[in-house]
Amino acid sequence: MKEISFRNDVLPLKNELFRLALRITLNNAEAEDVVQETMIKVWNRRDEWHAIESMEAFCLTVCRNLALDKNKKMASQGRSMDDTPGAEPTDDSTASNPERKAMLTDSVSLVRRLIDSLPEAQRSVMQLRDIEGKSYKEIATVLGISEDRVKVTLFRARQAIRQRFNETERYGL
């Protein structure tokens, strides 16, 4: 059995955990807190690591659960979570064409808003599949659902994004 090292097996997941937490909480500071709490929880359960089949799936599951708990807590306190991330797309081919760059920035921003407006399950599946590149099996393990459910959820999420994007582009809604 492989020896698990916090430094080599858990810490490298930090960015991936942050992206997942950010997709759920929609708030940079809250996502950072979730990642820190995840690291602490995983460390505190180090005596159980030998029984964990996939450390990555375990960490993602802990992170997701903590982010969902934080959302519930924030909602019950009536606090807003509107700190939407907004990194600008950087592509050398658009740098010389300001109009194209502005259109691309607007489109990326719209897609982010549309993804953020999806139900949590669809957001999580899209994050894990389309952004993190996880397999259906890995996503099913992290989310505790069947692979078929992952595929259906992902299909519906992509369909909703495509439909809303096209409506917005067509009608400027």
C-alpha atoms as a PDB file:
ATOM      1  CA  MET A   1       0.000   0.000   0.000  1.00  0.00           C
ATOM      2  CA  LYS A   2       1.265   3.469  -0.896  1.00  0.00           C
ATOM      3  CA  GLU A   3       2.389   5.685   1.965  1.00  0.00           C
ATOM      4  CA  ILE A   4       0.425   8.955   1.911  1.00  0.00           C
ATOM      5  CA  SER A   5       2.266  12.196   2.515  1.00  0.00           C
ATOM      6  CA  PHE A   6       0.467  15.424   3.338  1.00  0.00           C
ATOM      7  CA  ARG A   7       3.094  17.428   1.475  1.00  0.00           C
ATOM      8  CA  ASN A   8       3.088  15.273  -1.655  1.00  0.00           C
ATOM      9  CA  ASP A   9      -0.499  13.993  -1.817  1.00  0.00           C
ATOM     10  CA  VAL A  10      -2.709  16.617  -0.130  1.00  0.00           C
ATOM     11  CA  LEU A  11      -1.055  20.037  -0.519  1.00  0.00           C
ATOM     12  CA  PRO A  12      -0.875  19.803  -4.341  1.00  0.00           C
ATOM     13  CA  LEU A  13      -4.696  19.607  -4.356  1.00  0.00           C
ATOM     14  CA  LYS A  14      -4.985  23.091  -2.845  1.00  0.00           C
ATOM     15  CA  ASN A  15      -5.789  24.924  -6.098  1.00  0.00           C
ATOM     16  CA  GLU A  16      -8.247  22.280  -7.241  1.00  0.00           C
ATOM     17  CA  LEU A  17     -10.001  22.437  -3.860  1.00  0.00           C
ATOM     18  CA  PHE A  18     -10.125  26.223  -4.075  1.00  0.00           C
ATOM     19  CA  ARG A  19     -11.748  26.154  -7.511  1.00  0.00           C
ATOM     20  CA  LEU A  20     -14.385  23.697  -6.299  1.00  0.00           C
ATOM     21  CA  ALA A  21     -15.076  25.726  -3.144  1.00  0.00           C
ATOM     22  CA  LEU A  22     -15.274  28.917  -5.198  1.00  0.00           C
ATOM     23  CA  ARG A  23     -17.838  27.355  -7.568  1.00  0.00           C
ATOM     24  CA  ILE A  24     -19.995  26.461  -4.586  1.00  0.00           C
ATOM     25  CA  THR A  25     -19.592  29.533  -2.359  1.00  0.00           C
ATOM     26  CA  LEU A  26     -19.124  32.103  -5.156  1.00  0.00           C
ATOM     27  CA  ASN A  27     -16.897  34.057  -2.769  1.00  0.00           C
ATOM     28  CA  ASN A  28     -13.085  34.168  -2.781  1.00  0.00           C
ATOM     29  CA  ALA A  29     -12.651  34.666   0.961  1.00  0.00           C
ATOM     30  CA  GLU A  30     -15.162  31.946   1.834  1.00  0.00           C
ATOM     31  CA  ALA A  31     -13.522  29.559  -0.635  1.00  0.00           C
ATOM     32  CA  GLU A  32     -10.111  30.199   0.947  1.00  0.00           C
ATOM     33  CA  ASP A  33     -11.605  29.466   4.379  1.00  0.00           C
ATOM     34  CA  VAL A  34     -13.146  26.245   3.075  1.00  0.00           C
ATOM     35  CA  VAL A  35      -9.806  25.081   1.657  1.00  0.00           C
ATOM     36  CA  GLN A  36      -8.062  25.838   4.943  1.00  0.00           C
ATOM     37  CA  GLU A  37     -10.748  23.971   6.895  1.00  0.00           C
ATOM     38  CA  THR A  38     -10.465  21.077   4.433  1.00  0.00           C
ATOM     39  CA  MET A  39      -6.714  20.840   4.958  1.00  0.00           C
ATOM     40  CA  ILE A  40      -7.178  20.866   8.731  1.00  0.00           C
ATOM     41  CA  LYS A  41      -9.892  18.183   8.612  1.00  0.00           C
ATOM     42  CA  VAL A  42      -7.816  15.968   6.332  1.00  0.00           C
ATOM     43  CA  TRP A  43      -4.761  16.403   8.572  1.00  0.00           C
ATOM     44  CA  ASN A  44      -6.769  15.599  11.688  1.00  0.00           C
ATOM     45  CA  ARG A  45      -7.881  12.319  10.087  1.00  0.00           C
ATOM     46  CA  ARG A  46      -4.340  11.260   9.143  1.00  0.00           C
ATOM     47  CA  ASP A  47      -4.687   8.094  11.225  1.00  0.00           C
ATOM     48  CA  GLU A  48      -7.362   6.931   8.756  1.00  0.00           C
ATOM     49  CA  TRP A  49      -5.423   7.690   5.555  1.00  0.00           C
ATOM     50  CA  HIS A  50      -4.361   4.075   5.079  1.00  0.00           C
ATOM     51  CA  ALA A  51      -8.028   3.107   4.591  1.00  0.00           C
ATOM     52  CA  ILE A  52      -8.741   5.822   1.998  1.00  0.00           C
ATOM     53  CA  GLU A  53      -8.797   4.526  -1.568  1.00  0.00           C
ATOM     54  CA  SER A  54      -8.386   7.927  -3.257  1.00  0.00           C
ATOM     55  CA  MET A  55      -6.968  10.834  -1.266  1.00  0.00           C
ATOM     56  CA  GLU A  56      -8.020  13.241  -4.016  1.00  0.00           C
ATOM     57  CA  ALA A  57     -11.647  12.080  -3.945  1.00  0.00           C
ATOM     58  CA  PHE A  58     -11.619  12.198  -0.151  1.00  0.00           C
ATOM     59  CA  CYS A  59     -10.291  15.776  -0.106  1.00  0.00           C
ATOM     60  CA  LEU A  60     -12.748  16.932  -2.765  1.00  0.00           C
ATOM     61  CA  THR A  61     -15.628  15.362  -0.827  1.00  0.00           C
ATOM     62  CA  VAL A  62     -14.585  17.056   2.424  1.00  0.00           C
ATOM     63  CA  CYS A  63     -14.177  20.370   0.583  1.00  0.00           C
ATOM     64  CA  ARG A  64     -17.566  20.120  -1.096  1.00  0.00           C
ATOM     65  CA  ASN A  65     -19.323  19.275   2.160  1.00  0.00           C
ATOM     66  CA  LEU A  66     -17.641  22.151   4.012  1.00  0.00           C
ATOM     67  CA  ALA A  67     -18.527  24.584   1.199  1.00  0.00           C
ATOM     68  CA  LEU A  68     -22.163  23.453   1.234  1.00  0.00           C
ATOM     69  CA  ASP A  69     -22.251  23.833   5.031  1.00  0.00           C
ATOM     70  CA  LYS A  70     -20.787  27.333   4.721  1.00  0.00           C
ATOM     71  CA  ASN A  71     -23.466  28.229   2.132  1.00  0.00           C
ATOM     72  CA  LYS A  72     -26.218  27.034   4.474  1.00  0.00           C
ATOM     73  CA  LYS A  73     -24.719  28.975   7.356  1.00  0.00           C
ATOM     74  CA  MET A  74     -24.412  32.145   5.235  1.00  0.00           C
ATOM     75  CA  ALA A  75     -27.985  31.764   3.972  1.00  0.00           C
ATOM     76  CA  SER A  76     -29.338  31.316   7.480  1.00  0.00           C
ATOM     77  CA  GLN A  77     -27.529  34.490   8.532  1.00  0.00           C
ATOM     78  CA  GLY A  78     -28.934  36.340   5.516  1.00  0.00           C
ATOM     79  CA  ARG A  79     -25.477  37.305   4.280  1.00  0.00           C
ATOM     80  CA  SER A  80     -24.692  37.867   0.635  1.00  0.00           C
ATOM     81  CA  MET A  81     -22.169  35.841  -1.346  1.00  0.00           C
ATOM     82  CA  ASP A  82     -21.813  38.128  -4.363  1.00  0.00           C
ATOM     83  CA  ASP A  83     -18.012  38.283  -4.607  1.00  0.00           C
ATOM     84  CA  THR A  84     -18.033  36.717  -8.055  1.00  0.00           C
ATOM     85  CA  PRO A  85     -14.586  35.899  -9.431  1.00  0.00           C
ATOM     86  CA  GLY A  86     -13.620  37.853 -12.513  1.00  0.00           C
ATOM     87  CA  ALA A  87     -10.268  36.991 -13.986  1.00  0.00           C
ATOM     88  CA  GLU A  88      -9.803  38.558 -17.377  1.00  0.00           C
ATOM     89  CA  PRO A  89      -9.158  36.199 -20.274  1.00  0.00           C
ATOM     90  CA  THR A  90      -5.682  36.740 -21.676  1.00  0.00           C
ATOM     91  CA  ASP A  91      -5.028  35.608 -25.203  1.00  0.00           C
ATOM     92  CA  ASP A  92      -2.312  37.152 -27.369  1.00  0.00           C
ATOM     93  CA  SER A  93      -4.508  36.915 -30.481  1.00  0.00           C
ATOM     94  CA  THR A  94      -7.132  39.201 -28.920  1.00  0.00           C
ATOM     95  CA  ALA A  95      -4.648  41.658 -27.395  1.00  0.00           C
ATOM     96  CA  SER A  96      -4.264  43.564 -30.673  1.00  0.00           C
ATOM     97  CA  ASN A  97      -8.024  43.770 -31.296  1.00  0.00           C
ATOM     98  CA  PRO A  98      -9.728  45.692 -28.465  1.00  0.00           C
ATOM     99  CA  GLU A  99     -13.255  45.051 -29.785  1.00  0.00           C
ATOM    100  CA  ARG A 100     -12.649  41.293 -29.975  1.00  0.00           C
ATOM    101  CA  LYS A 101     -11.050  41.346 -26.531  1.00  0.00           C
ATOM    102  CA  ALA A 102     -14.046  43.190 -25.060  1.00  0.00           C
ATOM    103  CA  MET A 103     -16.499  40.757 -26.675  1.00  0.00           C
ATOM    104  CA  LEU A 104     -14.518  37.765 -25.398  1.00  0.00           C
ATOM    105  CA  THR A 105     -14.316  39.258 -21.903  1.00  0.00           C
ATOM    106  CA  ASP A 106     -18.084  39.854 -21.933  1.00  0.00           C
ATOM    107  CA  SER A 107     -18.767  36.298 -23.134  1.00  0.00           C
ATOM    108  CA  VAL A 108     -16.512  34.739 -20.500  1.00  0.00           C
ATOM    109  CA  SER A 109     -18.121  36.894 -17.828  1.00  0.00           C
ATOM    110  CA  LEU A 110     -21.593  35.865 -19.020  1.00  0.00           C
ATOM    111  CA  VAL A 111     -20.699  32.160 -18.969  1.00  0.00           C
ATOM    112  CA  ARG A 112     -19.310  32.522 -15.436  1.00  0.00           C
ATOM    113  CA  ARG A 113     -22.519  34.221 -14.287  1.00  0.00           C
ATOM    114  CA  LEU A 114     -24.617  31.538 -15.971  1.00  0.00           C
ATOM    115  CA  ILE A 115     -22.608  28.752 -14.341  1.00  0.00           C
ATOM    116  CA  ASP A 116     -22.880  30.517 -10.978  1.00  0.00           C
ATOM    117  CA  SER A 117     -26.663  30.666 -11.407  1.00  0.00           C
ATOM    118  CA  LEU A 118     -26.966  26.896 -11.853  1.00  0.00           C
ATOM    119  CA  PRO A 119     -28.162  24.706  -8.992  1.00  0.00           C
ATOM    120  CA  GLU A 120     -25.275  23.583  -6.763  1.00  0.00           C
ATOM    121  CA  ALA A 121     -25.213  19.990  -8.040  1.00  0.00           C
ATOM    122  CA  GLN A 122     -24.904  21.137 -11.662  1.00  0.00           C
ATOM    123  CA  ARG A 123     -22.222  23.710 -10.760  1.00  0.00           C
ATOM    124  CA  SER A 124     -20.198  21.066  -8.906  1.00  0.00           C
ATOM    125  CA  VAL A 125     -20.439  18.532 -11.723  1.00  0.00           C
ATOM    126  CA  MET A 126     -19.431  21.131 -14.336  1.00  0.00           C
ATOM    127  CA  GLN A 127     -16.522  22.292 -12.184  1.00  0.00           C
ATOM    128  CA  LEU A 128     -15.233  18.783 -11.646  1.00  0.00           C
ATOM    129  CA  ARG A 129     -15.722  17.591 -15.246  1.00  0.00           C
ATOM    130  CA  ASP A 130     -15.190  20.593 -17.507  1.00  0.00           C
ATOM    131  CA  ILE A 131     -12.711  22.586 -15.444  1.00  0.00           C
ATOM    132  CA  GLU A 132     -10.889  19.981 -13.348  1.00  0.00           C
ATOM    133  CA  GLY A 133     -11.106  17.243 -16.003  1.00  0.00           C
ATOM    134  CA  LYS A 134     -12.270  14.510 -13.620  1.00  0.00           C
ATOM    135  CA  SER A 135     -13.714  11.248 -14.913  1.00  0.00           C
ATOM    136  CA  TYR A 136     -17.379  10.399 -14.421  1.00  0.00           C
ATOM    137  CA  LYS A 137     -16.349   7.749 -11.916  1.00  0.00           C
ATOM    138  CA  GLU A 138     -14.265  10.212  -9.880  1.00  0.00           C
ATOM    139  CA  ILE A 139     -17.099  12.752  -9.863  1.00  0.00           C
ATOM    140  CA  ALA A 140     -19.582  10.082  -8.792  1.00  0.00           C
ATOM    141  CA  THR A 141     -17.307   9.153  -5.903  1.00  0.00           C
ATOM    142  CA  VAL A 142     -16.814  12.768  -4.790  1.00  0.00           C
ATOM    143  CA  LEU A 143     -20.500  13.657  -4.995  1.00  0.00           C
ATOM    144  CA  GLY A 144     -21.816  10.317  -3.758  1.00  0.00           C
ATOM    145  CA  ILE A 145     -24.047   9.730  -6.791  1.00  0.00           C
ATOM    146  CA  SER A 146     -24.083   7.239  -9.669  1.00  0.00           C
ATOM    147  CA  GLU A 147     -22.087   7.757 -12.852  1.00  0.00           C
ATOM    148  CA  ASP A 148     -25.360   7.885 -14.810  1.00  0.00           C
ATOM    149  CA  ARG A 149     -26.579  10.673 -12.515  1.00  0.00           C
ATOM    150  CA  VAL A 150     -23.313  12.557 -13.142  1.00  0.00           C
ATOM    151  CA  LYS A 151     -23.837  12.294 -16.914  1.00  0.00           C
ATOM    152  CA  VAL A 152     -27.456  13.447 -16.717  1.00  0.00           C
ATOM    153  CA  THR A 153     -26.596  16.344 -14.405  1.00  0.00           C
ATOM    154  CA  LEU A 154     -23.720  17.440 -16.631  1.00  0.00           C
ATOM    155  CA  PHE A 155     -25.883  17.212 -19.758  1.00  0.00           C
ATOM    156  CA  ARG A 156     -28.600  19.336 -18.158  1.00  0.00           C
ATOM    157  CA  ALA A 157     -26.090  21.891 -16.883  1.00  0.00           C
ATOM    158  CA  ARG A 158     -24.465  22.273 -20.293  1.00  0.00           C
ATOM    159  CA  GLN A 159     -27.862  22.453 -21.976  1.00  0.00           C
ATOM    160  CA  ALA A 160     -29.025  25.177 -19.569  1.00  0.00           C
ATOM    161  CA  ILE A 161     -25.827  27.203 -20.088  1.00  0.00           C
ATOM    162  CA  ARG A 162     -26.059  26.874 -23.879  1.00  0.00           C
ATOM    163  CA  GLN A 163     -29.741  27.873 -23.933  1.00  0.00           C
ATOM    164  CA  ARG A 164     -29.316  30.871 -21.613  1.00  0.00           C
ATOM    165  CA  PHE A 165     -26.155  31.989 -23.419  1.00  0.00           C
ATOM    166  CA  ASN A 166     -27.883  31.865 -26.812  1.00  0.00           C
ATOM    167  CA  GLU A 167     -30.929  33.722 -25.466  1.00  0.00           C
ATOM    168  CA  THR A 168     -28.727  36.424 -24.012  1.00  0.00           C
ATOM    169  CA  GLU A 169     -26.643  36.739 -27.176  1.00  0.00           C
ATOM    170  CA  ARG A 170     -29.755  36.801 -29.373  1.00  0.00           C
ATOM    171  CA  TYR A 171     -31.936  39.114 -27.328  1.00  0.00           C
ATOM    172  CA  GLY A 172     -29.458  40.897 -25.077  1.00  0.00           C
ATOM    173  CA  LEU A 173     -31.289  39.767 -21.926  1.00  0.00           C
END
